[in-house]
Amino acid sequence: MVTRLNEIESSCDILKCVNDKVTVNDNYKNEKAKQDDWGNPPSPDTPENRKKAQNAQLIIGIVALVGIFLPGVLFWLMNG
């Protein structure tokens, strides 16, 4: 009987086994509410925010290109 209760407890987060009795875990509802929190909403679509996003994408693109081409150029210079 105890092993079956342990199997139930390990298979389900809602149930909690204490002294051979199965009880409902009250923290499960609170954990579920925390999982539904997605954080801050996206910023509004304004010309200023579009400009900031475009600048950020440009910087990320430049860093990505440097990260892609720098190893190749260094390899070419060292072994070329």
Protein backbone atom coordinates (compact mmCIF):
# COMPACT_ATOMS: atom_id res chain seq x y z
CA MET A 1 0.00 0.00 0.00
CA VAL A 2 2.80 2.43 0.87
CA THR A 3 4.63 1.78 -2.40
CA ARG A 4 1.45 2.47 -4.39
CA LEU A 5 0.99 5.79 -2.58
CA ASN A 6 4.60 6.67 -3.30
CA GLU A 7 4.02 5.91 -6.98
CA ILE A 8 0.97 8.17 -6.96
CA GLU A 9 2.90 10.92 -5.23
CA SER A 10 5.80 10.77 -7.64
CA SER A 11 3.52 10.74 -10.68
CA CYS A 12 1.36 13.72 -9.73
CA ASP A 13 2.34 17.11 -8.29
CA ILE A 14 -1.12 17.76 -6.86
CA LEU A 15 -1.12 14.85 -4.41
CA LYS A 16 1.03 14.64 -1.31
CA CYS A 17 1.54 11.47 0.73
CA VAL A 18 1.90 11.90 4.50
CA ASN A 19 1.50 9.03 7.00
CA ASP A 20 -0.15 6.75 4.42
CA LYS A 21 -2.78 9.40 3.59
CA VAL A 22 -3.07 11.20 0.29
CA THR A 23 -3.74 14.93 0.61
CA VAL A 24 -3.96 17.76 -1.88
CA ASN A 25 -0.92 19.99 -2.16
CA ASP A 26 -2.16 23.55 -1.56
CA ASN A 27 0.93 25.09 -3.12
CA TYR A 28 0.00 23.62 -6.50
CA LYS A 29 -2.58 26.34 -7.13
CA ASN A 30 -0.06 29.07 -6.28
CA GLU A 31 2.56 27.48 -8.55
CA LYS A 32 0.02 27.35 -11.38
CA ALA A 33 -0.74 31.06 -10.95
CA LYS A 34 2.98 31.89 -11.09
CA GLN A 35 3.36 29.94 -14.34
CA ASP A 36 0.63 32.02 -15.98
CA ASP A 37 2.57 35.25 -15.33
CA TRP A 38 4.29 36.17 -18.60
CA GLY A 39 5.97 39.33 -17.31
CA ASN A 40 5.70 42.78 -18.81
CA PRO A 41 3.59 43.36 -21.93
CA PRO A 42 5.43 44.38 -25.12
CA SER A 43 6.18 48.05 -25.57
CA PRO A 44 3.75 50.04 -27.74
CA ASP A 45 4.43 50.37 -31.46
CA THR A 46 5.62 53.97 -31.73
CA PRO A 47 8.12 55.54 -34.16
CA GLU A 48 10.61 55.97 -31.29
CA ASN A 49 10.39 52.29 -30.30
CA ARG A 50 10.69 51.22 -33.96
CA LYS A 51 13.90 53.26 -34.27
CA LYS A 52 15.31 51.70 -31.09
CA ALA A 53 14.44 48.22 -32.33
CA GLN A 54 16.05 48.88 -35.71
CA ASN A 55 19.24 50.14 -34.03
CA ALA A 56 19.34 47.09 -31.78
CA GLN A 57 18.87 44.75 -34.77
CA LEU A 58 21.65 46.55 -36.64
CA ILE A 59 24.04 46.14 -33.72
CA ILE A 60 23.13 42.46 -33.33
CA GLY A 61 23.67 41.94 -37.08
CA ILE A 62 27.10 43.58 -37.02
CA VAL A 63 28.17 41.53 -34.01
CA ALA A 64 26.93 38.36 -35.73
CA LEU A 65 28.85 39.14 -38.93
CA VAL A 66 32.03 39.81 -36.97
CA GLY A 67 31.53 36.56 -35.08
CA ILE A 68 31.09 34.65 -38.34
CA PHE A 69 33.88 36.22 -40.40
CA LEU A 70 36.58 36.83 -37.76
CA PRO A 71 37.43 33.13 -37.19
CA GLY A 72 37.64 32.57 -40.95
CA VAL A 73 39.89 35.57 -41.50
CA LEU A 74 42.14 34.58 -38.59
CA PHE A 75 42.34 31.00 -39.89
CA TRP A 76 43.20 32.31 -43.36
CA LEU A 77 45.92 34.62 -41.95
CA MET A 78 47.46 31.94 -39.71
CA ASN A 79 47.42 29.09 -42.25
CA GLY A 80 47.34 30.98 -45.56
